[in-house]
Amino acid sequence: MSDRTTLWLESSPGQGDFHALRLEPGHVARFHGTNVRHHVPPNKSQCSRVSLDFRIGVGRFYDPKWRLEGVQHYHPRRIIRM
C-alpha cells in the first residue's frame, strides 16, 4: 500500500503524531473527524483518487446551534431522502 494515497490521522486530538491508516481489503475504519486532524497527501499520479465520507445523525438529536470550540469549518445539515 502506498503511503502517498492513504489517509493520515493523528492518534488522538492535538497529538500531531500523524500515521497512515492501513486497512486490508474489505475492512473499514472510523474516527472522530471533527476532533482528530487528518489529511491525504496531494495526488501526484495520473490516476483519479476516490474518497467516500459517510456521516449519519439522528434528527431528533441534531442541535443546529452547537459548535465545537476551536473548529472553524462547519458544514450545513442536508437531508437526503431515498
Protein backbone atom coordinates (compact mmCIF):
# COMPACT_ATOMS: atom_id res chain seq x y z
CA MET A 1 0.00 0.00 0.00
CA SER A 2 1.29 3.42 -0.85
CA ASP A 3 1.50 5.97 1.96
CA ARG A 4 1.14 8.66 -0.74
CA THR A 5 -2.53 7.82 -1.39
CA THR A 6 -3.70 6.86 2.07
CA LEU A 7 -5.49 8.82 4.79
CA TRP A 8 -3.18 10.10 7.53
CA LEU A 9 -4.52 10.89 11.01
CA GLU A 10 -3.29 11.61 14.50
CA SER A 11 -3.78 9.05 17.30
CA SER A 12 -5.82 11.43 19.48
CA PRO A 13 -6.84 15.11 19.35
CA GLY A 14 -3.91 17.53 19.27
CA GLN A 15 -1.16 14.87 19.30
CA GLY A 16 0.23 15.69 15.86
CA ASP A 17 1.62 12.15 15.58
CA PHE A 18 0.23 11.52 12.10
CA HIS A 19 0.36 7.99 10.73
CA ALA A 20 -1.02 6.32 7.63
CA LEU A 21 -4.28 4.46 8.14
CA ARG A 22 -3.61 0.97 6.74
CA LEU A 23 -6.56 -1.31 6.08
CA GLU A 24 -6.91 -4.67 4.42
CA PRO A 25 -9.38 -5.02 1.52
CA GLY A 26 -12.92 -5.29 2.86
CA HIS A 27 -12.11 -3.56 6.17
CA VAL A 28 -13.44 -0.19 7.30
CA ALA A 29 -12.25 2.35 9.84
CA ARG A 30 -13.98 5.01 11.89
CA PHE A 31 -12.65 8.01 13.78
CA HIS A 32 -13.98 11.31 15.11
CA GLY A 33 -13.04 13.51 12.18
CA THR A 34 -14.06 16.73 13.94
CA ASN A 35 -11.65 16.16 16.83
CA VAL A 36 -8.81 14.25 15.17
CA ARG A 37 -6.88 16.07 12.46
CA HIS A 38 -6.49 14.13 9.23
CA HIS A 39 -5.32 14.65 5.65
CA VAL A 40 -4.39 12.93 2.43
CA PRO A 41 -1.19 13.91 0.60
CA PRO A 42 -1.68 15.56 -2.82
CA ASN A 43 -2.35 13.12 -5.65
CA LYS A 44 0.67 13.38 -7.95
CA SER A 45 -0.26 10.39 -10.10
CA GLN A 46 -2.09 10.33 -13.41
CA CYS A 47 -4.91 8.29 -11.83
CA SER A 48 -8.03 9.59 -10.14
CA ARG A 49 -8.46 9.02 -6.42
CA VAL A 50 -11.93 8.47 -4.97
CA SER A 51 -12.86 9.07 -1.34
CA LEU A 52 -16.20 8.36 0.33
CA ASP A 53 -17.24 10.09 3.55
CA PHE A 54 -20.38 8.99 5.39
CA ARG A 55 -21.83 10.96 8.28
CA ILE A 56 -25.01 9.80 9.88
CA GLY A 57 -27.01 11.55 12.56
CA VAL A 58 -30.35 11.03 14.26
CA GLY A 59 -32.60 14.03 13.52
CA ARG A 60 -34.07 14.47 16.99
CA PHE A 61 -30.58 14.77 18.48
CA TYR A 62 -29.37 17.38 15.99
CA ASP A 63 -28.72 20.82 17.52
CA PRO A 64 -28.05 23.41 14.77
CA LYS A 65 -26.66 25.88 17.36
CA TRP A 66 -23.96 23.52 18.69
CA ARG A 67 -20.35 24.38 17.80
CA LEU A 68 -17.11 22.67 18.78
CA GLU A 69 -14.74 25.25 20.20
CA GLY A 70 -11.66 25.78 18.04
CA VAL A 71 -13.22 24.37 14.86
CA GLN A 72 -13.69 26.92 12.10
CA HIS A 73 -15.21 24.80 9.33
CA TYR A 74 -18.86 23.90 9.59
CA HIS A 75 -20.93 22.00 7.08
CA PRO A 76 -24.66 22.63 6.86
CA ARG A 77 -27.13 19.89 7.55
CA ARG A 78 -28.60 18.22 4.49
CA ILE A 79 -31.44 15.77 4.44
CA ILE A 80 -31.32 13.05 1.80
CA ARG A 81 -34.44 11.03 1.17
CA MET A 82 -34.20 7.80 -0.77
